[in-house]
Every structure is written in structure tokens, then in C-alpha cells.
Amino acid sequence: MTNKKKRASSVRPEAQPFATLSITALPFVVDGEQGRPRYWAVEPVDETPRKQIQAQRVGAKYAIEYADWLRANPELVGMGTLGWIAADIDFRDANCTGYWIGFFSCMERLLFDAAGVT
């Protein structure tokens, strides 16, 4: 048996995540029709600059919560959850624009920071 296999087998069961948080635990995901969640369910706001700026802040908060959810559910990283979210966003709905701008702008910052670029 190689050292690598010995190390892998020595992981204590209590160190493994024992429960996966449902993606519906995120504030922008809701149970949908026929058991399929809606991965982007946000309250529309009017198109005034003040409301859109507030929505951008909420969207950025959602990105942080999504990143925290991924950290709590590492077995789901790479499963396409970000794609599910993007697929459910109606990018033509001007009343929800601020949310996704804030969400993706924050995600860009998190990716940039994680890459260690200075």
C-alpha cells in the first residue's frame, strides 16, 4: 500500500461532512414546480438608480452566501450549480438587473482573489 493510500484511508469519518445543505437553503433559491428548484428567485425592484444599487448590494450578498454554501458542500463543487443559477436568470428583466450585476461582480472578485493575482 502506498503512502497516499494510507493517508486516504486514515481519514476519520467524523472529519467528513455528514449532511449536505440543500441548495434551497440559499435565499435566492426556492422550491419550484415539479420538484425542480428555481435557482434565481428575486423580488423585482423598480428601475430607479437607488433601487438598482440596493439590488446590486443584495446580489453581492447572495454571491457571498453562495460561496459559503459551496464551502460547506465541497462535494458539490464542479457539479454545475453556478450554471443552474445563471440559466434561471432572466437577463432581459430590467427589474432584476441589479441583483445579477451585484452577484456576478462579486463572483468575479472572489475568483480574482482566489487566483492570488495582485
PDB file of N, CA and C in Angstrom:
ATOM      1  N   MET A   1       0.845  -1.176   0.000  1.00  0.00           N
ATOM      2  CA  MET A   1       0.000   0.000   0.000  1.00  0.00           C
ATOM      3  C   MET A   1       0.894   1.244   0.000  1.00  0.00           C
ATOM      4  N   THR A   2       0.598   2.213  -0.865  1.00  0.00           N
ATOM      5  CA  THR A   2       1.400   3.417  -0.935  1.00  0.00           C
ATOM      6  C   THR A   2       1.039   4.356   0.195  1.00  0.00           C
ATOM      7  N   ASN A   3       1.909   5.351   0.440  1.00  0.00           N
ATOM      8  CA  ASN A   3       1.623   6.357   1.469  1.00  0.00           C
ATOM      9  C   ASN A   3       0.342   7.104   1.179  1.00  0.00           C
ATOM     10  N   LYS A   4       0.111   7.348  -0.101  1.00  0.00           N
ATOM     11  CA  LYS A   4      -1.089   8.080  -0.493  1.00  0.00           C
ATOM     12  C   LYS A   4      -2.346   7.321  -0.066  1.00  0.00           C
ATOM     13  N   LYS A   5      -2.346   6.010  -0.297  1.00  0.00           N
ATOM     14  CA  LYS A   5      -3.500   5.203   0.086  1.00  0.00           C
ATOM     15  C   LYS A   5      -3.637   5.128   1.592  1.00  0.00           C
ATOM     16  N   LYS A   6      -2.522   5.053   2.307  1.00  0.00           N
ATOM     17  CA  LYS A   6      -2.577   5.020   3.769  1.00  0.00           C
ATOM     18  C   LYS A   6      -3.198   6.299   4.303  1.00  0.00           C
ATOM     19  N   ARG A   7      -2.771   7.424   3.761  1.00  0.00           N
ATOM     20  CA  ARG A   7      -3.324   8.698   4.219  1.00  0.00           C
ATOM     21  C   ARG A   7      -4.804   8.796   3.925  1.00  0.00           C
ATOM     22  N   ALA A   8      -5.220   8.377   2.757  1.00  0.00           N
ATOM     23  CA  ALA A   8      -6.629   8.462   2.385  1.00  0.00           C
ATOM     24  C   ALA A   8      -7.476   7.587   3.288  1.00  0.00           C
ATOM     25  N   SER A   9      -6.966   6.424   3.663  1.00  0.00           N
ATOM     26  CA  SER A   9      -7.762   5.526   4.494  1.00  0.00           C
ATOM     27  C   SER A   9      -7.743   5.931   5.956  1.00  0.00           C
ATOM     28  N   SER A  10      -6.843   6.840   6.349  1.00  0.00           N
ATOM     29  CA  SER A  10      -6.767   7.237   7.747  1.00  0.00           C
ATOM     30  C   SER A  10      -7.672   8.423   8.077  1.00  0.00           C
ATOM     31  N   VAL A  11      -8.431   8.898   7.127  1.00  0.00           N
ATOM     32  CA  VAL A  11      -9.355   9.999   7.380  1.00  0.00           C
ATOM     33  C   VAL A  11     -10.469   9.512   8.288  1.00  0.00           C
ATOM     34  N   ARG A  12     -10.650  10.217   9.386  1.00  0.00           N
ATOM     35  CA  ARG A  12     -11.687   9.831  10.337  1.00  0.00           C
ATOM     36  C   ARG A  12     -13.065  10.143   9.771  1.00  0.00           C
ATOM     37  N   PRO A  13     -14.041   9.270   9.981  1.00  0.00           N
ATOM     38  CA  PRO A  13     -15.388   9.515   9.468  1.00  0.00           C
ATOM     39  C   PRO A  13     -15.972  10.822   9.978  1.00  0.00           C
ATOM     40  N   GLU A  14     -15.661  11.216  11.234  1.00  0.00           N
ATOM     41  CA  GLU A  14     -16.230  12.449  11.773  1.00  0.00           C
ATOM     42  C   GLU A  14     -15.671  13.690  11.078  1.00  0.00           C
ATOM     43  N   ALA A  15     -14.557  13.554  10.355  1.00  0.00           N
ATOM     44  CA  ALA A  15     -13.997  14.686   9.626  1.00  0.00           C
ATOM     45  C   ALA A  15     -14.719  14.927   8.306  1.00  0.00           C
ATOM     46  N   GLN A  16     -15.508  13.960   7.860  1.00  0.00           N
ATOM     47  CA  GLN A  16     -16.251  14.098   6.617  1.00  0.00           C
ATOM     48  C   GLN A  16     -17.549  14.864   6.872  1.00  0.00           C
ATOM     49  N   PRO A  17     -18.007  15.659   5.904  1.00  0.00           N
ATOM     50  CA  PRO A  17     -19.291  16.334   6.100  1.00  0.00           C
ATOM     51  C   PRO A  17     -20.390  15.288   6.234  1.00  0.00           C
ATOM     52  N   PHE A  18     -21.210  15.419   7.262  1.00  0.00           N
ATOM     53  CA  PHE A  18     -22.210  14.376   7.470  1.00  0.00           C
ATOM     54  C   PHE A  18     -23.552  14.728   6.861  1.00  0.00           C
ATOM     55  N   ALA A  19     -23.750  15.966   6.473  1.00  0.00           N
ATOM     56  CA  ALA A  19     -25.010  16.334   5.836  1.00  0.00           C
ATOM     57  C   ALA A  19     -24.749  17.438   4.822  1.00  0.00           C
ATOM     58  N   THR A  20     -25.408  17.353   3.716  1.00  0.00           N
ATOM     59  CA  THR A  20     -25.307  18.376   2.687  1.00  0.00           C
ATOM     60  C   THR A  20     -26.481  19.330   2.843  1.00  0.00           C
ATOM     61  N   LEU A  21     -26.171  20.614   2.882  1.00  0.00           N
ATOM     62  CA  LEU A  21     -27.234  21.610   2.947  1.00  0.00           C
ATOM     63  C   LEU A  21     -27.889  21.706   1.580  1.00  0.00           C
ATOM     64  N   SER A  22     -29.179  21.667   1.556  1.00  0.00           N
ATOM     65  CA  SER A  22     -29.901  21.790   0.295  1.00  0.00           C
ATOM     66  C   SER A  22     -29.629  23.156  -0.318  1.00  0.00           C
ATOM     67  N   ILE A  23     -29.565  23.188  -1.625  1.00  0.00           N
ATOM     68  CA  ILE A  23     -29.354  24.470  -2.304  1.00  0.00           C
ATOM     69  C   ILE A  23     -30.513  25.429  -2.033  1.00  0.00           C
ATOM     70  N   THR A  24     -31.665  24.887  -1.663  1.00  0.00           N
ATOM     71  CA  THR A  24     -32.796  25.764  -1.333  1.00  0.00           C
ATOM     72  C   THR A  24     -32.579  26.494  -0.018  1.00  0.00           C
ATOM     73  N   ALA A  25     -31.473  26.209   0.678  1.00  0.00           N
ATOM     74  CA  ALA A  25     -31.120  26.980   1.866  1.00  0.00           C
ATOM     75  C   ALA A  25     -30.644  28.381   1.476  1.00  0.00           C
ATOM     76  N   LEU A  26     -30.250  28.561   0.219  1.00  0.00           N
ATOM     77  CA  LEU A  26     -29.824  29.880  -0.254  1.00  0.00           C
ATOM     78  C   LEU A  26     -31.043  30.783  -0.396  1.00  0.00           C
ATOM     79  N   PRO A  27     -30.907  32.066  -0.058  1.00  0.00           N
ATOM     80  CA  PRO A  27     -32.077  32.952  -0.048  1.00  0.00           C
ATOM     81  C   PRO A  27     -32.685  33.242  -1.415  1.00  0.00           C
ATOM     82  N   PHE A  28     -31.952  32.985  -2.480  1.00  0.00           N
ATOM     83  CA  PHE A  28     -32.457  33.276  -3.822  1.00  0.00           C
ATOM     84  C   PHE A  28     -32.923  32.024  -4.557  1.00  0.00           C
ATOM     85  N   VAL A  29     -32.919  30.890  -3.881  1.00  0.00           N
ATOM     86  CA  VAL A  29     -33.374  29.625  -4.471  1.00  0.00           C
ATOM     87  C   VAL A  29     -34.641  29.200  -3.744  1.00  0.00           C
ATOM     88  N   VAL A  30     -35.655  28.835  -4.521  1.00  0.00           N
ATOM     89  CA  VAL A  30     -36.923  28.394  -3.940  1.00  0.00           C
ATOM     90  C   VAL A  30     -37.361  27.089  -4.593  1.00  0.00           C
ATOM     91  N   ASP A  31     -38.164  26.338  -3.862  1.00  0.00           N
ATOM     92  CA  ASP A  31     -38.753  25.143  -4.453  1.00  0.00           C
ATOM     93  C   ASP A  31     -39.652  25.570  -5.605  1.00  0.00           C
ATOM     94  N   GLY A  32     -39.553  24.876  -6.696  1.00  0.00           N
ATOM     95  CA  GLY A  32     -40.332  25.223  -7.876  1.00  0.00           C
ATOM     96  C   GLY A  32     -41.321  24.149  -8.246  1.00  0.00           C
ATOM     97  N   GLU A  33     -41.776  24.245  -9.474  1.00  0.00           N
ATOM     98  CA  GLU A  33     -42.757  23.293  -9.995  1.00  0.00           C
ATOM     99  C   GLU A  33     -42.116  21.923 -10.199  1.00  0.00           C
ATOM    100  N   GLN A  34     -42.886  20.896  -9.990  1.00  0.00           N
ATOM    101  CA  GLN A  34     -42.491  19.510 -10.239  1.00  0.00           C
ATOM    102  C   GLN A  34     -41.192  19.132  -9.541  1.00  0.00           C
ATOM    103  N   GLY A  35     -40.947  19.713  -8.358  1.00  0.00           N
ATOM    104  CA  GLY A  35     -39.776  19.362  -7.567  1.00  0.00           C
ATOM    105  C   GLY A  35     -38.470  19.969  -8.024  1.00  0.00           C
ATOM    106  N   ARG A  36     -38.473  20.738  -9.114  1.00  0.00           N
ATOM    107  CA  ARG A  36     -37.252  21.390  -9.596  1.00  0.00           C
ATOM    108  C   ARG A  36     -37.165  22.781  -8.980  1.00  0.00           C
ATOM    109  N   PRO A  37     -36.084  23.054  -8.250  1.00  0.00           N
ATOM    110  CA  PRO A  37     -35.956  24.395  -7.671  1.00  0.00           C
ATOM    111  C   PRO A  37     -35.852  25.478  -8.742  1.00  0.00           C
ATOM    112  N   ARG A  38     -36.247  26.671  -8.370  1.00  0.00           N
ATOM    113  CA  ARG A  38     -35.948  27.864  -9.166  1.00  0.00           C
ATOM    114  C   ARG A  38     -34.680  28.429  -8.549  1.00  0.00           C
ATOM    115  N   TYR A  39     -33.621  28.477  -9.318  1.00  0.00           N
ATOM    116  CA  TYR A  39     -32.308  28.828  -8.797  1.00  0.00           C
ATOM    117  C   TYR A  39     -32.050  30.329  -8.748  1.00  0.00           C
ATOM    118  N   TRP A  40     -32.974  31.112  -9.258  1.00  0.00           N
ATOM    119  CA  TRP A  40     -32.831  32.581  -9.179  1.00  0.00           C
ATOM    120  C   TRP A  40     -34.221  33.176  -9.022  1.00  0.00           C
ATOM    121  N   ALA A  41     -34.644  33.319  -7.797  1.00  0.00           N
ATOM    122  CA  ALA A  41     -35.958  33.879  -7.489  1.00  0.00           C
ATOM    123  C   ALA A  41     -35.745  35.119  -6.624  1.00  0.00           C
ATOM    124  N   VAL A  42     -35.791  36.270  -7.259  1.00  0.00           N
ATOM    125  CA  VAL A  42     -35.583  37.533  -6.558  1.00  0.00           C
ATOM    126  C   VAL A  42     -36.803  38.427  -6.767  1.00  0.00           C
ATOM    127  N   GLU A  43     -37.037  39.293  -5.807  1.00  0.00           N
ATOM    128  CA  GLU A  43     -38.161  40.225  -5.910  1.00  0.00           C
ATOM    129  C   GLU A  43     -37.807  41.352  -6.873  1.00  0.00           C
ATOM    130  N   PRO A  44     -38.622  41.585  -7.883  1.00  0.00           N
ATOM    131  CA  PRO A  44     -38.343  42.699  -8.799  1.00  0.00           C
ATOM    132  C   PRO A  44     -38.361  44.037  -8.056  1.00  0.00           C
ATOM    133  N   VAL A  45     -37.502  44.932  -8.490  1.00  0.00           N
ATOM    134  CA  VAL A  45     -37.479  46.295  -7.960  1.00  0.00           C
ATOM    135  C   VAL A  45     -37.632  47.243  -9.139  1.00  0.00           C
ATOM    136  N   ASP A  46     -38.060  48.474  -8.863  1.00  0.00           N
ATOM    137  CA  ASP A  46     -38.196  49.391  -9.992  1.00  0.00           C
ATOM    138  C   ASP A  46     -36.813  49.776 -10.506  1.00  0.00           C
ATOM    139  N   GLU A  47     -36.800  50.409 -11.644  1.00  0.00           N
ATOM    140  CA  GLU A  47     -35.544  50.664 -12.355  1.00  0.00           C
ATOM    141  C   GLU A  47     -34.831  51.926 -11.896  1.00  0.00           C
ATOM    142  N   THR A  48     -35.280  52.538 -10.814  1.00  0.00           N
ATOM    143  CA  THR A  48     -34.594  53.743 -10.355  1.00  0.00           C
ATOM    144  C   THR A  48     -33.172  53.392  -9.934  1.00  0.00           C
ATOM    145  N   PRO A  49     -32.245  54.316 -10.138  1.00  0.00           N
ATOM    146  CA  PRO A  49     -30.855  54.033  -9.772  1.00  0.00           C
ATOM    147  C   PRO A  49     -30.702  53.609  -8.296  1.00  0.00           C
ATOM    148  N   ARG A  50     -31.426  54.244  -7.403  1.00  0.00           N
ATOM    149  CA  ARG A  50     -31.318  53.900  -5.977  1.00  0.00           C
ATOM    150  C   ARG A  50     -31.715  52.450  -5.729  1.00  0.00           C
ATOM    151  N   LYS A  51     -32.810  52.025  -6.297  1.00  0.00           N
ATOM    152  CA  LYS A  51     -33.282  50.646  -6.117  1.00  0.00           C
ATOM    153  C   LYS A  51     -32.341  49.644  -6.769  1.00  0.00           C
ATOM    154  N   GLN A  52     -31.791  49.985  -7.921  1.00  0.00           N
ATOM    155  CA  GLN A  52     -30.875  49.082  -8.609  1.00  0.00           C
ATOM    156  C   GLN A  52     -29.557  48.946  -7.835  1.00  0.00           C
ATOM    157  N   ILE A  53     -29.095  50.029  -7.217  1.00  0.00           N
ATOM    158  CA  ILE A  53     -27.884  49.966  -6.399  1.00  0.00           C
ATOM    159  C   ILE A  53     -28.130  49.083  -5.176  1.00  0.00           C
ATOM    160  N   GLN A  54     -29.299  49.222  -4.571  1.00  0.00           N
ATOM    161  CA  GLN A  54     -29.648  48.351  -3.443  1.00  0.00           C
ATOM    162  C   GLN A  54     -29.686  46.888  -3.888  1.00  0.00           C
ATOM    163  N   ALA A  55     -30.258  46.641  -5.063  1.00  0.00           N
ATOM    164  CA  ALA A  55     -30.333  45.278  -5.584  1.00  0.00           C
ATOM    165  C   ALA A  55     -28.924  44.730  -5.860  1.00  0.00           C
ATOM    166  N   GLN A  56     -28.008  45.585  -6.323  1.00  0.00           N
ATOM    167  CA  GLN A  56     -26.628  45.147  -6.547  1.00  0.00           C
ATOM    168  C   GLN A  56     -25.983  44.714  -5.229  1.00  0.00           C
ATOM    169  N   ARG A  57     -26.257  45.444  -4.168  1.00  0.00           N
ATOM    170  CA  ARG A  57     -25.720  45.067  -2.852  1.00  0.00           C
ATOM    171  C   ARG A  57     -26.280  43.724  -2.399  1.00  0.00           C
ATOM    172  N   VAL A  58     -27.563  43.538  -2.627  1.00  0.00           N
ATOM    173  CA  VAL A  58     -28.187  42.252  -2.267  1.00  0.00           C
ATOM    174  C   VAL A  58     -27.582  41.134  -3.116  1.00  0.00           C
ATOM    175  N   GLY A  59     -27.403  41.374  -4.408  1.00  0.00           N
ATOM    176  CA  GLY A  59     -26.801  40.377  -5.287  1.00  0.00           C
ATOM    177  C   GLY A  59     -25.399  39.995  -4.845  1.00  0.00           C
ATOM    178  N   ALA A  60     -24.621  40.983  -4.398  1.00  0.00           N
ATOM    179  CA  ALA A  60     -23.274  40.697  -3.897  1.00  0.00           C
ATOM    180  C   ALA A  60     -23.355  39.855  -2.625  1.00  0.00           C
ATOM    181  N   LYS A  61     -24.304  40.160  -1.775  1.00  0.00           N
ATOM    182  CA  LYS A  61     -24.517  39.364  -0.563  1.00  0.00           C
ATOM    183  C   LYS A  61     -24.886  37.928  -0.941  1.00  0.00           C
ATOM    184  N   TYR A  62     -25.703  37.766  -1.961  1.00  0.00           N
ATOM    185  CA  TYR A  62     -26.071  36.432  -2.432  1.00  0.00           C
ATOM    186  C   TYR A  62     -24.836  35.660  -2.924  1.00  0.00           C
ATOM    187  N   ALA A  63     -23.922  36.354  -3.593  1.00  0.00           N
ATOM    188  CA  ALA A  63     -22.701  35.695  -4.074  1.00  0.00           C
ATOM    189  C   ALA A  63     -21.872  35.181  -2.900  1.00  0.00           C
ATOM    190  N   ILE A  64     -21.765  35.966  -1.847  1.00  0.00           N
ATOM    191  CA  ILE A  64     -21.014  35.552  -0.659  1.00  0.00           C
ATOM    192  C   ILE A  64     -21.699  34.341  -0.022  1.00  0.00           C
ATOM    193  N   GLU A  65     -23.023  34.380   0.050  1.00  0.00           N
ATOM    194  CA  GLU A  65     -23.760  33.258   0.628  1.00  0.00           C
ATOM    195  C   GLU A  65     -23.604  32.002  -0.234  1.00  0.00           C
ATOM    196  N   TYR A  66     -23.574  32.169  -1.547  1.00  0.00           N
ATOM    197  CA  TYR A  66     -23.351  31.032  -2.443  1.00  0.00           C
ATOM    198  C   TYR A  66     -21.947  30.461  -2.226  1.00  0.00           C
ATOM    199  N   ALA A  67     -20.948  31.331  -2.120  1.00  0.00           N
ATOM    200  CA  ALA A  67     -19.575  30.866  -1.875  1.00  0.00           C
ATOM    201  C   ALA A  67     -19.495  30.127  -0.538  1.00  0.00           C
ATOM    202  N   ASP A  68     -20.158  30.648   0.484  1.00  0.00           N
ATOM    203  CA  ASP A  68     -20.184  29.969   1.783  1.00  0.00           C
ATOM    204  C   ASP A  68     -20.877  28.612   1.671  1.00  0.00           C
ATOM    205  N   TRP A  69     -21.955  28.557   0.882  1.00  0.00           N
ATOM    206  CA  TRP A  69     -22.679  27.292   0.678  1.00  0.00           C
ATOM    207  C   TRP A  69     -21.760  26.273  -0.004  1.00  0.00           C
ATOM    208  N   LEU A  70     -20.997  26.720  -1.007  1.00  0.00           N
ATOM    209  CA  LEU A  70     -20.056  25.815  -1.676  1.00  0.00           C
ATOM    210  C   LEU A  70     -18.999  25.312  -0.697  1.00  0.00           C
ATOM    211  N   ARG A  71     -18.513  26.209   0.145  1.00  0.00           N
ATOM    212  CA  ARG A  71     -17.504  25.818   1.131  1.00  0.00           C
ATOM    213  C   ARG A  71     -18.070  24.752   2.078  1.00  0.00           C
ATOM    214  N   ALA A  72     -19.345  24.865   2.409  1.00  0.00           N
ATOM    215  CA  ALA A  72     -19.996  23.898   3.298  1.00  0.00           C
ATOM    216  C   ALA A  72     -20.354  22.597   2.579  1.00  0.00           C
ATOM    217  N   ASN A  73     -20.348  22.622   1.257  1.00  0.00           N
ATOM    218  CA  ASN A  73     -20.735  21.463   0.445  1.00  0.00           C
ATOM    219  C   ASN A  73     -19.684  21.190  -0.629  1.00  0.00           C
ATOM    220  N   PRO A  74     -18.442  20.921  -0.244  1.00  0.00           N
ATOM    221  CA  PRO A  74     -17.372  20.780  -1.237  1.00  0.00           C
ATOM    222  C   PRO A  74     -17.609  19.650  -2.231  1.00  0.00           C
ATOM    223  N   GLU A  75     -18.408  18.662  -1.855  1.00  0.00           N
ATOM    224  CA  GLU A  75     -18.685  17.566  -2.777  1.00  0.00           C
ATOM    225  C   GLU A  75     -19.534  18.022  -3.962  1.00  0.00           C
ATOM    226  N   LEU A  76     -20.124  19.202  -3.883  1.00  0.00           N
ATOM    227  CA  LEU A  76     -20.944  19.712  -4.981  1.00  0.00           C
ATOM    228  C   LEU A  76     -20.191  20.684  -5.884  1.00  0.00           C
ATOM    229  N   VAL A  77     -18.962  21.025  -5.513  1.00  0.00           N
ATOM    230  CA  VAL A  77     -18.153  21.915  -6.347  1.00  0.00           C
ATOM    231  C   VAL A  77     -17.860  21.193  -7.659  1.00  0.00           C
ATOM    232  N   GLY A  78     -18.104  21.859  -8.756  1.00  0.00           N
ATOM    233  CA  GLY A  78     -17.886  21.272 -10.070  1.00  0.00           C
ATOM    234  C   GLY A  78     -19.105  20.565 -10.635  1.00  0.00           C
ATOM    235  N   MET A  79     -20.213  20.612  -9.928  1.00  0.00           N
ATOM    236  CA  MET A  79     -21.438  19.940 -10.379  1.00  0.00           C
ATOM    237  C   MET A  79     -22.324  20.851 -11.228  1.00  0.00           C
ATOM    238  N   GLY A  80     -21.923  22.101 -11.411  1.00  0.00           N
ATOM    239  CA  GLY A  80     -22.677  22.989 -12.291  1.00  0.00           C
ATOM    240  C   GLY A  80     -23.705  23.868 -11.619  1.00  0.00           C
ATOM    241  N   THR A  81     -23.643  24.008 -10.306  1.00  0.00           N
ATOM    242  CA  THR A  81     -24.664  24.809  -9.632  1.00  0.00           C
ATOM    243  C   THR A  81     -24.652  26.265 -10.080  1.00  0.00           C
ATOM    244  N   LEU A  82     -23.492  26.817 -10.377  1.00  0.00           N
ATOM    245  CA  LEU A  82     -23.445  28.196 -10.868  1.00  0.00           C
ATOM    246  C   LEU A  82     -24.141  28.300 -12.224  1.00  0.00           C
ATOM    247  N   GLY A  83     -24.006  27.290 -13.036  1.00  0.00           N
ATOM    248  CA  GLY A  83     -24.709  27.251 -14.317  1.00  0.00           C
ATOM    249  C   GLY A  83     -26.209  27.168 -14.143  1.00  0.00           C
ATOM    250  N   TRP A  84     -26.665  26.416 -13.136  1.00  0.00           N
ATOM    251  CA  TRP A  84     -28.104  26.324 -12.864  1.00  0.00           C
ATOM    252  C   TRP A  84     -28.642  27.708 -12.499  1.00  0.00           C
ATOM    253  N   ILE A  85     -27.871  28.427 -11.675  1.00  0.00           N
ATOM    254  CA  ILE A  85     -28.281  29.779 -11.272  1.00  0.00           C
ATOM    255  C   ILE A  85     -28.350  30.673 -12.503  1.00  0.00           C
ATOM    256  N   ALA A  86     -27.279  30.699 -13.300  1.00  0.00           N
ATOM    257  CA  ALA A  86     -27.236  31.565 -14.487  1.00  0.00           C
ATOM    258  C   ALA A  86     -28.356  31.226 -15.463  1.00  0.00           C
ATOM    259  N   ALA A  87     -28.671  29.947 -15.609  1.00  0.00           N
ATOM    260  CA  ALA A  87     -29.719  29.538 -16.548  1.00  0.00           C
ATOM    261  C   ALA A  87     -31.098  30.040 -16.125  1.00  0.00           C
ATOM    262  N   ASP A  88     -31.293  30.258 -14.826  1.00  0.00           N
ATOM    263  CA  ASP A  88     -32.600  30.715 -14.344  1.00  0.00           C
ATOM    264  C   ASP A  88     -32.733  32.232 -14.289  1.00  0.00           C
ATOM    265  N   ILE A  89     -31.673  32.953 -14.556  1.00  0.00           N
ATOM    266  CA  ILE A  89     -31.739  34.418 -14.534  1.00  0.00           C
ATOM    267  C   ILE A  89     -32.326  34.917 -15.848  1.00  0.00           C
ATOM    268  N   ASP A  90     -33.317  35.792 -15.743  1.00  0.00           N
ATOM    269  CA  ASP A  90     -33.863  36.445 -16.930  1.00  0.00           C
ATOM    270  C   ASP A  90     -33.082  37.745 -17.118  1.00  0.00           C
ATOM    271  N   PHE A  91     -32.061  37.694 -17.940  1.00  0.00           N
ATOM    272  CA  PHE A  91     -31.184  38.843 -18.130  1.00  0.00           C
ATOM    273  C   PHE A  91     -31.883  40.002 -18.837  1.00  0.00           C
ATOM    274  N   ARG A  92     -33.067  39.771 -19.395  1.00  0.00           N
ATOM    275  CA  ARG A  92     -33.816  40.840 -20.058  1.00  0.00           C
ATOM    276  C   ARG A  92     -34.727  41.596 -19.111  1.00  0.00           C
ATOM    277  N   ASP A  93     -34.955  41.065 -17.911  1.00  0.00           N
ATOM    278  CA  ASP A  93     -35.855  41.693 -16.938  1.00  0.00           C
ATOM    279  C   ASP A  93     -35.130  42.846 -16.246  1.00  0.00           C
ATOM    280  N   ALA A  94     -35.425  44.069 -16.665  1.00  0.00           N
ATOM    281  CA  ALA A  94     -34.749  45.246 -16.115  1.00  0.00           C
ATOM    282  C   ALA A  94     -35.012  45.428 -14.626  1.00  0.00           C
ATOM    283  N   ASN A  95     -36.096  44.866 -14.120  1.00  0.00           N
ATOM    284  CA  ASN A  95     -36.421  45.000 -12.701  1.00  0.00           C
ATOM    285  C   ASN A  95     -35.576  44.086 -11.817  1.00  0.00           C
ATOM    286  N   CYS A  96     -34.771  43.243 -12.410  1.00  0.00           N
ATOM    287  CA  CYS A  96     -33.909  42.341 -11.633  1.00  0.00           C
ATOM    288  C   CYS A  96     -32.438  42.483 -12.014  1.00  0.00           C
ATOM    289  N   THR A  97     -32.125  43.419 -12.856  1.00  0.00           N
ATOM    290  CA  THR A  97     -30.761  43.602 -13.355  1.00  0.00           C
ATOM    291  C   THR A  97     -29.752  43.821 -12.237  1.00  0.00           C
ATOM    292  N   GLY A  98     -30.101  44.670 -11.289  1.00  0.00           N
ATOM    293  CA  GLY A  98     -29.165  44.984 -10.210  1.00  0.00           C
ATOM    294  C   GLY A  98     -28.699  43.761  -9.452  1.00  0.00           C
ATOM    295  N   TYR A  99     -29.602  42.810  -9.237  1.00  0.00           N
ATOM    296  CA  TYR A  99     -29.232  41.605  -8.486  1.00  0.00           C
ATOM    297  C   TYR A  99     -28.131  40.813  -9.186  1.00  0.00           C
ATOM    298  N   TRP A 100     -28.340  40.543 -10.484  1.00  0.00           N
ATOM    299  CA  TRP A 100     -27.345  39.706 -11.138  1.00  0.00           C
ATOM    300  C   TRP A 100     -26.042  40.458 -11.397  1.00  0.00           C
ATOM    301  N   ILE A 101     -26.118  41.771 -11.582  1.00  0.00           N
ATOM    302  CA  ILE A 101     -24.878  42.546 -11.715  1.00  0.00           C
ATOM    303  C   ILE A 101     -24.075  42.444 -10.421  1.00  0.00           C
ATOM    304  N   GLY A 102     -24.733  42.627  -9.286  1.00  0.00           N
ATOM    305  CA  GLY A 102     -24.049  42.511  -7.998  1.00  0.00           C
ATOM    306  C   GLY A 102     -23.518  41.113  -7.758  1.00  0.00           C
ATOM    307  N   PHE A 103     -24.326  40.096  -8.096  1.00  0.00           N
ATOM    308  CA  PHE A 103     -23.933  38.707  -7.891  1.00  0.00           C
ATOM    309  C   PHE A 103     -22.687  38.369  -8.687  1.00  0.00           C
ATOM    310  N   PHE A 104     -22.717  38.609  -9.991  1.00  0.00           N
ATOM    311  CA  PHE A 104     -21.586  38.222 -10.834  1.00  0.00           C
ATOM    312  C   PHE A 104     -20.371  39.125 -10.623  1.00  0.00           C
ATOM    313  N   SER A 105     -20.570  40.384 -10.293  1.00  0.00           N
ATOM    314  CA  SER A 105     -19.428  41.254  -9.999  1.00  0.00           C
ATOM    315  C   SER A 105     -18.696  40.752  -8.761  1.00  0.00           C
ATOM    316  N   CYS A 106     -19.435  40.356  -7.751  1.00  0.00           N
ATOM    317  CA  CYS A 106     -18.829  39.812  -6.547  1.00  0.00           C
ATOM    318  C   CYS A 106     -18.157  38.470  -6.837  1.00  0.00           C
ATOM    319  N   MET A 107     -18.795  37.631  -7.644  1.00  0.00           N
ATOM    320  CA  MET A 107     -18.187  36.347  -8.000  1.00  0.00           C
ATOM    321  C   MET A 107     -16.855  36.568  -8.729  1.00  0.00           C
ATOM    322  N   GLU A 108     -16.804  37.573  -9.606  1.00  0.00           N
ATOM    323  CA  GLU A 108     -15.549  37.896 -10.289  1.00  0.00           C
ATOM    324  C   GLU A 108     -14.472  38.262  -9.279  1.00  0.00           C
ATOM    325  N   ARG A 109     -14.840  39.063  -8.281  1.00  0.00           N
ATOM    326  CA  ARG A 109     -13.880  39.475  -7.253  1.00  0.00           C
ATOM    327  C   ARG A 109     -13.391  38.250  -6.470  1.00  0.00           C
ATOM    328  N   LEU A 110     -14.309  37.365  -6.125  1.00  0.00           N
ATOM    329  CA  LEU A 110     -13.927  36.159  -5.380  1.00  0.00           C
ATOM    330  C   LEU A 110     -12.982  35.277  -6.213  1.00  0.00           C
ATOM    331  N   LEU A 111     -13.256  35.136  -7.500  1.00  0.00           N
ATOM    332  CA  LEU A 111     -12.384  34.349  -8.380  1.00  0.00           C
ATOM    333  C   LEU A 111     -11.011  34.988  -8.507  1.00  0.00           C
ATOM    334  N   PHE A 112     -11.003  36.296  -8.675  1.00  0.00           N
ATOM    335  CA  PHE A 112      -9.746  37.028  -8.803  1.00  0.00           C
ATOM    336  C   PHE A 112      -8.920  36.871  -7.526  1.00  0.00           C
ATOM    337  N   ASP A 113      -9.548  37.057  -6.380  1.00  0.00           N
ATOM    338  CA  ASP A 113      -8.854  36.914  -5.104  1.00  0.00           C
ATOM    339  C   ASP A 113      -8.344  35.490  -4.905  1.00  0.00           C
ATOM    340  N   ALA A 114      -9.160  34.496  -5.269  1.00  0.00           N
ATOM    341  CA  ALA A 114      -8.762  33.095  -5.107  1.00  0.00           C
ATOM    342  C   ALA A 114      -7.584  32.740  -6.010  1.00  0.00           C
ATOM    343  N   ALA A 115      -7.479  33.419  -7.142  1.00  0.00           N
ATOM    344  CA  ALA A 115      -6.381  33.144  -8.066  1.00  0.00           C
ATOM    345  C   ALA A 115      -5.050  33.684  -7.541  1.00  0.00           C
ATOM    346  N   GLY A 116      -5.119  34.524  -6.514  1.00  0.00           N
ATOM    347  CA  GLY A 116      -3.896  35.054  -5.920  1.00  0.00           C
ATOM    348  C   GLY A 116      -3.209  36.107  -6.765  1.00  0.00           C
ATOM    349  N   VAL A 117      -3.957  36.725  -7.647  1.00  0.00           N
ATOM    350  CA  VAL A 117      -3.398  37.775  -8.511  1.00  0.00           C
ATOM    351  C   VAL A 117      -3.357  39.070  -7.700  1.00  0.00           C
ATOM    352  N   THR A 118      -2.229  39.764  -7.801  1.00  0.00           N
ATOM    353  CA  THR A 118      -2.128  41.036  -7.073  1.00  0.00           C
ATOM    354  C   THR A 118      -2.064  42.205  -8.000  1.00  0.00           C
TER     355      THR A 118
END
